[in-house]
Amino acid sequence: MNNQIVPGAQDTIPEQLAVTITTNWRDYISKHDPDPNYIRAFNIPMVDIKELAEFYACPSVRAYLAMETPGDITTLKIVLVPVDANGNDILSVPVKTDANVVDQSSIYDFTSPCPQLCDLNSPLFQ
């Protein structure tokens, strides 16, 4: 374990609970998709999380499950959107350009699915 990482206690769960619930997912999905390369996790770069948080002052972020190719579970993705104080998705924000104001999307898809990018030795992967 990296001693420099000190998470806040709010919303953390014990490792054994994480192992149990990720095992529940693997047990469930393996019955529906016998390919051992099914998606087990998503890697989200911290710089992207920071960018999302700074893009719009929001109290939370909502993660939607998405699929690039219908019926192909290996194309599963997570789409992230900022959420306002009323619990509404912020799908775009006005951005001033040289000539006018345009709506810019605030919907992010920068996740990398695992097994393409993952920790094969993690007890959450096993």
Foldseek 3Di string as FASTA:
>chain_A
DDPVDDDDPPPDDDPVVLLVVLVVVVVVVCVVPVPLQAFSDKDDDPVVVVCLCVVDPAPDKDWDWDAPDPPDRNRIFIKIFGAHPVRHGDQWDWDQDPPGIDTDGSIDTDIDTPPVDDDCPDSSND
